[in-house]
């Protein structure tokens, strides 16, 4: 039923797309706005903010030629540099996965 569907869609063993597990280090969705509605800066861009969180420096973090929220450096949740010169970075509004729906214990219900 629903629990199995959740497990397949948001399972801890696969990259999550529409929610983040724990601090979101495996989040691979396409959210590109911050909590305040600012647009994210591309990870491959150094404008307006210069930074070292590049795909080359963090190869297993899901970074790339895109501006999707990610967590390459252990913040509390997924985030991005913003295109607002006054705001270097901000967390993104990506909901938490329901952890209990992704555990083995629920698998066969």
PDB file of N, CA and C in Angstrom:
ATOM      1  N   UNK A   1       0.820  -1.212   0.000  1.00  0.00           N
ATOM      2  CA  UNK A   1       0.000   0.000   0.000  1.00  0.00           C
ATOM      3  C   UNK A   1       0.850   1.257   0.000  1.00  0.00           C
ATOM      4  N   UNK A   2       0.374   2.263   0.681  1.00  0.00           N
ATOM      5  CA  UNK A   2       1.061   3.556   0.689  1.00  0.00           C
ATOM      6  C   UNK A   2       2.456   3.486   1.287  1.00  0.00           C
ATOM      7  N   UNK A   3       2.588   2.658   2.313  1.00  0.00           N
ATOM      8  CA  UNK A   3       3.878   2.604   2.996  1.00  0.00           C
ATOM      9  C   UNK A   3       4.954   2.083   2.047  1.00  0.00           C
ATOM     10  N   UNK A   4       4.637   1.067   1.288  1.00  0.00           N
ATOM     11  CA  UNK A   4       5.596   0.527   0.324  1.00  0.00           C
ATOM     12  C   UNK A   4       5.952   1.587  -0.725  1.00  0.00           C
ATOM     13  N   UNK A   5       4.933   2.338  -1.147  1.00  0.00           N
ATOM     14  CA  UNK A   5       5.159   3.400  -2.138  1.00  0.00           C
ATOM     15  C   UNK A   5       6.116   4.447  -1.598  1.00  0.00           C
ATOM     16  N   UNK A   6       5.899   4.837  -0.357  1.00  0.00           N
ATOM     17  CA  UNK A   6       6.785   5.809   0.268  1.00  0.00           C
ATOM     18  C   UNK A   6       8.208   5.264   0.341  1.00  0.00           C
ATOM     19  N   UNK A   7       8.301   3.998   0.695  1.00  0.00           N
ATOM     20  CA  UNK A   7       9.612   3.396   0.856  1.00  0.00           C
ATOM     21  C   UNK A   7      10.377   3.427  -0.462  1.00  0.00           C
ATOM     22  N   UNK A   8       9.692   3.121  -1.556  1.00  0.00           N
ATOM     23  CA  UNK A   8      10.363   3.112  -2.850  1.00  0.00           C
ATOM     24  C   UNK A   8      10.707   4.526  -3.292  1.00  0.00           C
ATOM     25  N   UNK A   9       9.799   5.455  -3.024  1.00  0.00           N
ATOM     26  CA  UNK A   9      10.001   6.821  -3.515  1.00  0.00           C
ATOM     27  C   UNK A   9      11.044   7.573  -2.699  1.00  0.00           C
ATOM     28  N   UNK A  10      10.998   7.403  -1.378  1.00  0.00           N
ATOM     29  CA  UNK A  10      11.844   8.205  -0.505  1.00  0.00           C
ATOM     30  C   UNK A  10      12.783   7.363   0.349  1.00  0.00           C
ATOM     31  N   UNK A  11      13.030   6.122  -0.057  1.00  0.00           N
ATOM     32  CA  UNK A  11      13.810   5.209   0.764  1.00  0.00           C
ATOM     33  C   UNK A  11      15.187   5.738   1.099  1.00  0.00           C
ATOM     34  N   UNK A  12      15.666   5.382   2.272  1.00  0.00           N
ATOM     35  CA  UNK A  12      16.974   5.862   2.714  1.00  0.00           C
ATOM     36  C   UNK A  12      18.091   5.359   1.809  1.00  0.00           C
ATOM     37  N   UNK A  13      17.817   4.316   1.051  1.00  0.00           N
ATOM     38  CA  UNK A  13      18.881   3.724   0.236  1.00  0.00           C
ATOM     39  C   UNK A  13      18.976   4.351  -1.143  1.00  0.00           C
ATOM     40  N   UNK A  14      18.027   5.213  -1.463  1.00  0.00           N
ATOM     41  CA  UNK A  14      18.073   5.850  -2.781  1.00  0.00           C
ATOM     42  C   UNK A  14      18.108   7.359  -2.605  1.00  0.00           C
ATOM     43  N   UNK A  15      18.472   8.068  -3.651  1.00  0.00           N
ATOM     44  CA  UNK A  15      18.502   9.522  -3.588  1.00  0.00           C
ATOM     45  C   UNK A  15      17.080  10.039  -3.464  1.00  0.00           C
ATOM     46  N   UNK A  16      16.844  10.883  -2.473  1.00  0.00           N
ATOM     47  CA  UNK A  16      15.494  11.404  -2.284  1.00  0.00           C
ATOM     48  C   UNK A  16      15.271  12.600  -3.201  1.00  0.00           C
ATOM     49  N   UNK A  17      14.055  12.732  -3.695  1.00  0.00           N
ATOM     50  CA  UNK A  17      13.755  13.757  -4.683  1.00  0.00           C
ATOM     51  C   UNK A  17      12.843  14.848  -4.141  1.00  0.00           C
ATOM     52  N   UNK A  18      11.788  14.476  -3.419  1.00  0.00           N
ATOM     53  CA  UNK A  18      10.868  15.539  -2.995  1.00  0.00           C
ATOM     54  C   UNK A  18      10.890  15.790  -1.502  1.00  0.00           C
ATOM     55  N   UNK A  19      11.861  15.207  -0.813  1.00  0.00           N
ATOM     56  CA  UNK A  19      12.010  15.483   0.615  1.00  0.00           C
ATOM     57  C   UNK A  19      13.451  15.182   0.984  1.00  0.00           C
ATOM     58  N   UNK A  20      13.864  15.661   2.167  1.00  0.00           N
ATOM     59  CA  UNK A  20      15.238  15.405   2.597  1.00  0.00           C
ATOM     60  C   UNK A  20      15.259  14.506   3.821  1.00  0.00           C
ATOM     61  N   UNK A  21      16.182  13.552   3.824  1.00  0.00           N
ATOM     62  CA  UNK A  21      16.375  12.652   4.952  1.00  0.00           C
ATOM     63  C   UNK A  21      17.443  13.264   5.852  1.00  0.00           C
ATOM     64  N   UNK A  22      17.124  13.403   7.145  1.00  0.00           N
ATOM     65  CA  UNK A  22      18.050  13.989   8.102  1.00  0.00           C
ATOM     66  C   UNK A  22      18.531  15.351   7.601  1.00  0.00           C
ATOM     67  N   UNK A  23      19.832  15.545   7.353  1.00  0.00           N
ATOM     68  CA  UNK A  23      20.264  16.894   6.968  1.00  0.00           C
ATOM     69  C   UNK A  23      20.268  17.117   5.454  1.00  0.00           C
ATOM     70  N   UNK A  24      19.747  16.158   4.715  1.00  0.00           N
ATOM     71  CA  UNK A  24      19.584  16.380   3.277  1.00  0.00           C
ATOM     72  C   UNK A  24      20.816  16.160   2.427  1.00  0.00           C
ATOM     73  N   UNK A  25      21.810  15.490   2.971  1.00  0.00           N
ATOM     74  CA  UNK A  25      23.039  15.335   2.164  1.00  0.00           C
ATOM     75  C   UNK A  25      22.795  14.484   0.923  1.00  0.00           C
ATOM     76  N   UNK A  26      21.732  13.662   0.938  1.00  0.00           N
ATOM     77  CA  UNK A  26      21.439  12.846  -0.246  1.00  0.00           C
ATOM     78  C   UNK A  26      20.284  13.412  -1.071  1.00  0.00           C
ATOM     79  N   UNK A  27      19.812  14.608  -0.710  1.00  0.00           N
ATOM     80  CA  UNK A  27      18.699  15.200  -1.467  1.00  0.00           C
ATOM     81  C   UNK A  27      19.152  15.496  -2.892  1.00  0.00           C
ATOM     82  N   UNK A  28      18.365  15.039  -3.868  1.00  0.00           N
ATOM     83  CA  UNK A  28      18.712  15.267  -5.274  1.00  0.00           C
ATOM     84  C   UNK A  28      17.523  15.845  -6.053  1.00  0.00           C
ATOM     85  N   UNK A  29      16.686  16.586  -5.348  1.00  0.00           N
ATOM     86  CA  UNK A  29      15.522  17.188  -5.982  1.00  0.00           C
ATOM     87  C   UNK A  29      15.856  18.471  -6.721  1.00  0.00           C
ATOM     88  N   UNK A  30      14.822  19.160  -7.174  1.00  0.00           N
ATOM     89  CA  UNK A  30      15.026  20.319  -8.033  1.00  0.00           C
ATOM     90  C   UNK A  30      14.552  21.634  -7.411  1.00  0.00           C
ATOM     91  N   UNK A  31      14.392  21.660  -6.093  1.00  0.00           N
ATOM     92  CA  UNK A  31      14.049  22.939  -5.451  1.00  0.00           C
ATOM     93  C   UNK A  31      15.192  23.924  -5.668  1.00  0.00           C
ATOM     94  N   UNK A  32      14.845  25.140  -6.140  1.00  0.00           N
ATOM     95  CA  UNK A  32      15.899  26.136  -6.378  1.00  0.00           C
ATOM     96  C   UNK A  32      15.554  27.504  -5.810  1.00  0.00           C
ATOM     97  N   UNK A  33      14.705  27.498  -4.771  1.00  0.00           N
ATOM     98  CA  UNK A  33      14.378  28.731  -4.059  1.00  0.00           C
ATOM     99  C   UNK A  33      14.683  28.539  -2.578  1.00  0.00           C
ATOM    100  N   UNK A  34      15.073  29.621  -1.906  1.00  0.00           N
ATOM    101  CA  UNK A  34      15.367  29.549  -0.479  1.00  0.00           C
ATOM    102  C   UNK A  34      14.102  29.787   0.336  1.00  0.00           C
ATOM    103  N   UNK A  35      14.237  29.657   1.660  1.00  0.00           N
ATOM    104  CA  UNK A  35      13.088  29.844   2.542  1.00  0.00           C
ATOM    105  C   UNK A  35      12.450  31.217   2.373  1.00  0.00           C
ATOM    106  N   UNK A  36      13.245  32.205   1.994  1.00  0.00           N
ATOM    107  CA  UNK A  36      12.695  33.557   1.840  1.00  0.00           C
ATOM    108  C   UNK A  36      12.244  33.831   0.406  1.00  0.00           C
ATOM    109  N   UNK A  37      12.356  32.812  -0.467  1.00  0.00           N
ATOM    110  CA  UNK A  37      11.910  32.984  -1.853  1.00  0.00           C
ATOM    111  C   UNK A  37      12.977  33.474  -2.805  1.00  0.00           C
ATOM    112  N   UNK A  38      14.208  33.598  -2.322  1.00  0.00           N
ATOM    113  CA  UNK A  38      15.299  34.012  -3.217  1.00  0.00           C
ATOM    114  C   UNK A  38      15.655  32.870  -4.169  1.00  0.00           C
ATOM    115  N   UNK A  39      16.119  33.230  -5.346  1.00  0.00           N
ATOM    116  CA  UNK A  39      16.549  32.233  -6.327  1.00  0.00           C
ATOM    117  C   UNK A  39      17.986  31.804  -6.026  1.00  0.00           C
ATOM    118  N   UNK A  40      18.251  30.521  -6.200  1.00  0.00           N
ATOM    119  CA  UNK A  40      19.588  29.991  -5.942  1.00  0.00           C
ATOM    120  C   UNK A  40      20.566  30.342  -7.058  1.00  0.00           C
ATOM    121  N   UNK A  41      21.816  30.505  -6.671  1.00  0.00           N
ATOM    122  CA  UNK A  41      22.913  30.688  -7.611  1.00  0.00           C
ATOM    123  C   UNK A  41      23.387  29.319  -8.078  1.00  0.00           C
ATOM    124  N   UNK A  42      23.789  29.214  -9.346  1.00  0.00           N
ATOM    125  CA  UNK A  42      24.331  27.940  -9.838  1.00  0.00           C
ATOM    126  C   UNK A  42      25.606  27.586  -9.088  1.00  0.00           C
ATOM    127  N   UNK A  43      25.771  26.300  -8.808  1.00  0.00           N
ATOM    128  CA  UNK A  43      26.972  25.834  -8.099  1.00  0.00           C
ATOM    129  C   UNK A  43      28.220  26.031  -8.942  1.00  0.00           C
ATOM    130  N   UNK A  44      28.057  26.090 -10.261  1.00  0.00           N
ATOM    131  CA  UNK A  44      29.204  26.286 -11.146  1.00  0.00           C
ATOM    132  C   UNK A  44      29.529  27.761 -11.345  1.00  0.00           C
ATOM    133  N   UNK A  45      28.710  28.635 -10.761  1.00  0.00           N
ATOM    134  CA  UNK A  45      28.919  30.076 -10.919  1.00  0.00           C
ATOM    135  C   UNK A  45      29.645  30.651  -9.709  1.00  0.00           C
ATOM    136  N   UNK A  46      30.413  31.692  -9.934  1.00  0.00           N
ATOM    137  CA  UNK A  46      31.082  32.395  -8.836  1.00  0.00           C
ATOM    138  C   UNK A  46      30.498  33.800  -8.691  1.00  0.00           C
ATOM    139  N   UNK A  47      29.331  33.993  -9.255  1.00  0.00           N
ATOM    140  CA  UNK A  47      28.684  35.308  -9.199  1.00  0.00           C
ATOM    141  C   UNK A  47      27.226  35.151  -8.804  1.00  0.00           C
ATOM    142  N   UNK A  48      26.709  35.956  -7.877  1.00  0.00           N
ATOM    143  CA  UNK A  48      27.409  37.077  -7.212  1.00  0.00           C
ATOM    144  C   UNK A  48      28.291  36.667  -6.036  1.00  0.00           C
ATOM    145  N   UNK A  49      28.308  35.382  -5.682  1.00  0.00           N
ATOM    146  CA  UNK A  49      29.100  34.972  -4.510  1.00  0.00           C
ATOM    147  C   UNK A  49      30.205  33.998  -4.915  1.00  0.00           C
ATOM    148  N   UNK A  50      31.437  34.353  -4.539  1.00  0.00           N
ATOM    149  CA  UNK A  50      32.563  33.444  -4.771  1.00  0.00           C
ATOM    150  C   UNK A  50      32.555  32.378  -3.681  1.00  0.00           C
ATOM    151  N   UNK A  51      32.851  31.126  -4.049  1.00  0.00           N
ATOM    152  CA  UNK A  51      32.760  30.029  -3.079  1.00  0.00           C
ATOM    153  C   UNK A  51      33.590  28.846  -3.550  1.00  0.00           C
ATOM    154  N   UNK A  52      33.796  27.888  -2.648  1.00  0.00           N
ATOM    155  CA  UNK A  52      34.590  26.697  -2.995  1.00  0.00           C
ATOM    156  C   UNK A  52      33.741  25.428  -3.019  1.00  0.00           C
ATOM    157  N   UNK A  53      32.418  25.553  -2.840  1.00  0.00           N
ATOM    158  CA  UNK A  53      31.539  24.379  -2.935  1.00  0.00           C
ATOM    159  C   UNK A  53      31.187  24.115  -4.403  1.00  0.00           C
ATOM    160  N   UNK A  54      32.192  23.688  -5.148  1.00  0.00           N
ATOM    161  CA  UNK A  54      32.011  23.441  -6.578  1.00  0.00           C
ATOM    162  C   UNK A  54      31.902  21.944  -6.830  1.00  0.00           C
ATOM    163  N   UNK A  55      31.367  21.549  -7.991  1.00  0.00           N
ATOM    164  CA  UNK A  55      31.291  20.119  -8.328  1.00  0.00           C
ATOM    165  C   UNK A  55      32.670  19.454  -8.293  1.00  0.00           C
ATOM    166  N   UNK A  56      33.713  20.197  -8.654  1.00  0.00           N
ATOM    167  CA  UNK A  56      35.068  19.644  -8.644  1.00  0.00           C
ATOM    168  C   UNK A  56      35.537  19.377  -7.214  1.00  0.00           C
ATOM    169  N   UNK A  57      35.238  20.309  -6.312  1.00  0.00           N
ATOM    170  CA  UNK A  57      35.693  20.188  -4.921  1.00  0.00           C
ATOM    171  C   UNK A  57      34.848  19.224  -4.101  1.00  0.00           C
ATOM    172  N   UNK A  58      33.584  19.079  -4.465  1.00  0.00           N
ATOM    173  CA  UNK A  58      32.667  18.210  -3.703  1.00  0.00           C
ATOM    174  C   UNK A  58      31.993  17.224  -4.661  1.00  0.00           C
ATOM    175  N   UNK A  59      32.754  16.272  -5.183  1.00  0.00           N
ATOM    176  CA  UNK A  59      32.273  15.436  -6.293  1.00  0.00           C
ATOM    177  C   UNK A  59      31.093  14.518  -5.981  1.00  0.00           C
ATOM    178  N   UNK A  60      30.842  14.212  -4.717  1.00  0.00           N
ATOM    179  CA  UNK A  60      29.766  13.257  -4.425  1.00  0.00           C
ATOM    180  C   UNK A  60      28.568  13.921  -3.755  1.00  0.00           C
ATOM    181  N   UNK A  61      28.416  15.216  -3.996  1.00  0.00           N
ATOM    182  CA  UNK A  61      27.385  15.980  -3.288  1.00  0.00           C
ATOM    183  C   UNK A  61      26.182  16.338  -4.143  1.00  0.00           C
ATOM    184  N   UNK A  62      26.154  15.867  -5.386  1.00  0.00           N
ATOM    185  CA  UNK A  62      25.024  16.193  -6.247  1.00  0.00           C
ATOM    186  C   UNK A  62      25.102  17.589  -6.836  1.00  0.00           C
ATOM    187  N   UNK A  63      26.276  18.227  -6.718  1.00  0.00           N
ATOM    188  CA  UNK A  63      26.437  19.553  -7.302  1.00  0.00           C
ATOM    189  C   UNK A  63      26.645  19.402  -8.801  1.00  0.00           C
ATOM    190  N   UNK A  64      26.376  20.472  -9.548  1.00  0.00           N
ATOM    191  CA  UNK A  64      26.549  20.413 -10.989  1.00  0.00           C
ATOM    192  C   UNK A  64      26.221  21.756 -11.603  1.00  0.00           C
ATOM    193  N   UNK A  65      26.007  21.759 -12.897  1.00  0.00           N
ATOM    194  CA  UNK A  65      25.706  23.000 -13.614  1.00  0.00           C
ATOM    195  C   UNK A  65      24.221  23.311 -13.450  1.00  0.00           C
ATOM    196  N   UNK A  66      23.807  23.510 -12.204  1.00  0.00           N
ATOM    197  CA  UNK A  66      22.399  23.777 -11.881  1.00  0.00           C
ATOM    198  C   UNK A  66      22.355  24.596 -10.598  1.00  0.00           C
ATOM    199  N   UNK A  67      21.165  25.047 -10.232  1.00  0.00           N
ATOM    200  CA  UNK A  67      21.035  25.841  -9.000  1.00  0.00           C
ATOM    201  C   UNK A  67      20.083  25.182  -8.012  1.00  0.00           C
ATOM    202  N   UNK A  68      20.097  23.859  -7.946  1.00  0.00           N
ATOM    203  CA  UNK A  68      19.219  23.141  -7.027  1.00  0.00           C
ATOM    204  C   UNK A  68      19.822  23.110  -5.621  1.00  0.00           C
ATOM    205  N   UNK A  69      18.958  23.160  -4.627  1.00  0.00           N
ATOM    206  CA  UNK A  69      19.400  23.131  -3.236  1.00  0.00           C
ATOM    207  C   UNK A  69      20.118  21.820  -2.935  1.00  0.00           C
ATOM    208  N   UNK A  70      21.243  21.929  -2.264  1.00  0.00           N
ATOM    209  CA  UNK A  70      22.025  20.758  -1.882  1.00  0.00           C
ATOM    210  C   UNK A  70      22.641  21.001  -0.507  1.00  0.00           C
ATOM    211  N   UNK A  71      23.277  19.979   0.050  1.00  0.00           N
ATOM    212  CA  UNK A  71      23.994  20.157   1.307  1.00  0.00           C
ATOM    213  C   UNK A  71      25.360  19.491   1.234  1.00  0.00           C
ATOM    214  N   UNK A  72      26.314  20.141   0.578  1.00  0.00           N
ATOM    215  CA  UNK A  72      27.632  19.531   0.389  1.00  0.00           C
ATOM    216  C   UNK A  72      28.545  19.625   1.606  1.00  0.00           C
ATOM    217  N   UNK A  73      28.149  20.378   2.635  1.00  0.00           N
ATOM    218  CA  UNK A  73      29.116  20.671   3.699  1.00  0.00           C
ATOM    219  C   UNK A  73      28.571  20.530   5.116  1.00  0.00           C
ATOM    220  N   UNK A  74      27.510  19.740   5.283  1.00  0.00           N
ATOM    221  CA  UNK A  74      27.072  19.425   6.637  1.00  0.00           C
ATOM    222  C   UNK A  74      26.254  20.480   7.359  1.00  0.00           C
ATOM    223  N   UNK A  75      25.568  21.340   6.617  1.00  0.00           N
ATOM    224  CA  UNK A  75      24.635  22.278   7.253  1.00  0.00           C
ATOM    225  C   UNK A  75      23.443  21.480   7.800  1.00  0.00           C
ATOM    226  N   UNK A  76      22.548  22.151   8.562  1.00  0.00           N
ATOM    227  CA  UNK A  76      21.389  21.429   9.131  1.00  0.00           C
ATOM    228  C   UNK A  76      20.394  20.936   8.080  1.00  0.00           C
ATOM    229  N   UNK A  77      20.439  21.508   6.892  1.00  0.00           N
ATOM    230  CA  UNK A  77      19.523  21.103   5.829  1.00  0.00           C
ATOM    231  C   UNK A  77      20.042  21.574   4.486  1.00  0.00           C
ATOM    232  N   UNK A  78      19.300  21.270   3.419  1.00  0.00           N
ATOM    233  CA  UNK A  78      19.751  21.700   2.091  1.00  0.00           C
ATOM    234  C   UNK A  78      19.678  23.217   1.983  1.00  0.00           C
ATOM    235  N   UNK A  79      20.566  23.767   1.176  1.00  0.00           N
ATOM    236  CA  UNK A  79      20.703  25.214   1.067  1.00  0.00           C
ATOM    237  C   UNK A  79      21.295  25.555  -0.289  1.00  0.00           C
ATOM    238  N   UNK A  80      21.479  26.844  -0.529  1.00  0.00           N
ATOM    239  CA  UNK A  80      22.190  27.291  -1.731  1.00  0.00           C
ATOM    240  C   UNK A  80      22.710  28.697  -1.522  1.00  0.00           C
ATOM    241  N   UNK A  81      23.675  29.069  -2.347  1.00  0.00           N
ATOM    242  CA  UNK A  81      24.058  30.473  -2.442  1.00  0.00           C
ATOM    243  C   UNK A  81      22.931  31.155  -3.204  1.00  0.00           C
ATOM    244  N   UNK A  82      22.637  32.412  -2.862  1.00  0.00           N
ATOM    245  CA  UNK A  82      21.520  33.073  -3.524  1.00  0.00           C
ATOM    246  C   UNK A  82      22.021  34.044  -4.588  1.00  0.00           C
ATOM    247  N   UNK A  83      21.132  34.397  -5.504  1.00  0.00           N
ATOM    248  CA  UNK A  83      21.485  35.351  -6.553  1.00  0.00           C
ATOM    249  C   UNK A  83      21.361  36.789  -6.047  1.00  0.00           C
ATOM    250  N   UNK A  84      21.010  36.946  -4.776  1.00  0.00           N
ATOM    251  CA  UNK A  84      20.926  38.268  -4.153  1.00  0.00           C
ATOM    252  C   UNK A  84      22.298  38.626  -3.595  1.00  0.00           C
ATOM    253  N   UNK A  85      22.939  39.677  -4.120  1.00  0.00           N
ATOM    254  CA  UNK A  85      24.285  40.042  -3.649  1.00  0.00           C
ATOM    255  C   UNK A  85      24.339  40.316  -2.148  1.00  0.00           C
ATOM    256  N   UNK A  86      23.207  40.668  -1.556  1.00  0.00           N
ATOM    257  CA  UNK A  86      23.165  41.001  -0.126  1.00  0.00           C
ATOM    258  C   UNK A  86      23.008  39.759   0.773  1.00  0.00           C
ATOM    259  N   UNK A  87      22.659  38.625   0.174  1.00  0.00           N
ATOM    260  CA  UNK A  87      22.402  37.415   0.971  1.00  0.00           C
ATOM    261  C   UNK A  87      23.255  36.287   0.418  1.00  0.00           C
ATOM    262  N   UNK A  88      24.339  35.956   1.113  1.00  0.00           N
ATOM    263  CA  UNK A  88      25.279  34.965   0.562  1.00  0.00           C
ATOM    264  C   UNK A  88      24.626  33.593   0.366  1.00  0.00           C
ATOM    265  N   UNK A  89      24.013  33.060   1.435  1.00  0.00           N
ATOM    266  CA  UNK A  89      23.386  31.741   1.313  1.00  0.00           C
ATOM    267  C   UNK A  89      22.200  31.653   2.246  1.00  0.00           C
ATOM    268  N   UNK A  90      21.338  30.678   1.986  1.00  0.00           N
ATOM    269  CA  UNK A  90      20.161  30.474   2.811  1.00  0.00           C
ATOM    270  C   UNK A  90      19.712  29.027   2.710  1.00  0.00           C
ATOM    271  N   UNK A  91      19.079  28.549   3.773  1.00  0.00           N
ATOM    272  CA  UNK A  91      18.482  27.221   3.729  1.00  0.00           C
ATOM    273  C   UNK A  91      17.291  27.226   2.775  1.00  0.00           C
ATOM    274  N   UNK A  92      16.941  26.051   2.274  1.00  0.00           N
ATOM    275  CA  UNK A  92      15.806  25.910   1.365  1.00  0.00           C
ATOM    276  C   UNK A  92      14.639  25.250   2.086  1.00  0.00           C
ATOM    277  N   UNK A  93      13.458  25.497   1.592  1.00  0.00           N
ATOM    278  CA  UNK A  93      12.251  24.973   2.219  1.00  0.00           C
ATOM    279  C   UNK A  93      11.893  23.622   1.606  1.00  0.00           C
ATOM    280  N   UNK A  94      12.658  22.597   1.981  1.00  0.00           N
ATOM    281  CA  UNK A  94      12.389  21.237   1.509  1.00  0.00           C
ATOM    282  C   UNK A  94      11.960  20.417   2.711  1.00  0.00           C
ATOM    283  N   UNK A  95      10.806  19.790   2.624  1.00  0.00           N
ATOM    284  CA  UNK A  95      10.275  19.095   3.798  1.00  0.00           C
ATOM    285  C   UNK A  95      11.103  17.856   4.135  1.00  0.00           C
ATOM    286  N   UNK A  96      11.008  17.442   5.375  1.00  0.00           N
ATOM    287  CA  UNK A  96      11.676  16.227   5.827  1.00  0.00           C
ATOM    288  C   UNK A  96      10.898  15.009   5.335  1.00  0.00           C
ATOM    289  N   UNK A  97      11.616  13.976   4.920  1.00  0.00           N
ATOM    290  CA  UNK A  97      10.958  12.711   4.625  1.00  0.00           C
ATOM    291  C   UNK A  97      10.416  12.153   5.943  1.00  0.00           C
ATOM    292  N   UNK A  98       9.330  11.426   5.869  1.00  0.00           N
ATOM    293  CA  UNK A  98       8.832  10.757   7.063  1.00  0.00           C
ATOM    294  C   UNK A  98       9.720   9.547   7.309  1.00  0.00           C
ATOM    295  N   UNK A  99      10.641   9.695   8.225  1.00  0.00           N
ATOM    296  CA  UNK A  99      11.675   8.689   8.445  1.00  0.00           C
ATOM    297  C   UNK A  99      11.092   7.306   8.709  1.00  0.00           C
ATOM    298  N   UNK A 100      10.009   7.265   9.456  1.00  0.00           N
ATOM    299  CA  UNK A 100       9.479   5.961   9.868  1.00  0.00           C
ATOM    300  C   UNK A 100       8.873   5.182   8.714  1.00  0.00           C
ATOM    301  N   UNK A 101       8.529   5.878   7.648  1.00  0.00           N
ATOM    302  CA  UNK A 101       7.981   5.174   6.486  1.00  0.00           C
ATOM    303  C   UNK A 101       9.099   4.583   5.633  1.00  0.00           C
ATOM    304  N   UNK A 102      10.352   4.864   6.000  1.00  0.00           N
ATOM    305  CA  UNK A 102      11.451   4.363   5.166  1.00  0.00           C
ATOM    306  C   UNK A 102      12.269   3.301   5.901  1.00  0.00           C
ATOM    307  N   UNK A 103      11.774   2.817   7.045  1.00  0.00           N
ATOM    308  CA  UNK A 103      12.541   1.814   7.780  1.00  0.00           C
ATOM    309  C   UNK A 103      12.115   0.408   7.388  1.00  0.00           C
ATOM    310  N   UNK A 104      12.992  -0.520   7.597  1.00  0.00           N
ATOM    311  CA  UNK A 104      12.724  -1.922   7.273  1.00  0.00           C
ATOM    312  C   UNK A 104      11.499  -2.430   8.018  1.00  0.00           C
ATOM    313  N   UNK A 105      11.336  -1.935   9.228  1.00  0.00           N
ATOM    314  CA  UNK A 105      10.270  -2.430  10.102  1.00  0.00           C
ATOM    315  C   UNK A 105       8.892  -2.328   9.468  1.00  0.00           C
ATOM    316  N   UNK A 106       8.696  -1.325   8.631  1.00  0.00           N
ATOM    317  CA  UNK A 106       7.399  -1.097   8.013  1.00  0.00           C
ATOM    318  C   UNK A 106       7.238  -1.795   6.660  1.00  0.00           C
ATOM    319  N   UNK A 107       8.282  -2.420   6.200  1.00  0.00           N
ATOM    320  CA  UNK A 107       8.333  -2.801   4.791  1.00  0.00           C
ATOM    321  C   UNK A 107       7.177  -3.710   4.361  1.00  0.00           C
ATOM    322  N   UNK A 108       6.807  -4.660   5.193  1.00  0.00           N
ATOM    323  CA  UNK A 108       5.846  -5.646   4.745  1.00  0.00           C
ATOM    324  C   UNK A 108       4.420  -5.420   5.251  1.00  0.00           C
ATOM    325  N   UNK A 109       4.157  -4.229   5.775  1.00  0.00           N
ATOM    326  CA  UNK A 109       2.811  -3.954   6.273  1.00  0.00           C
ATOM    327  C   UNK A 109       1.805  -3.807   5.150  1.00  0.00           C
TER     328      UNK A 109
END
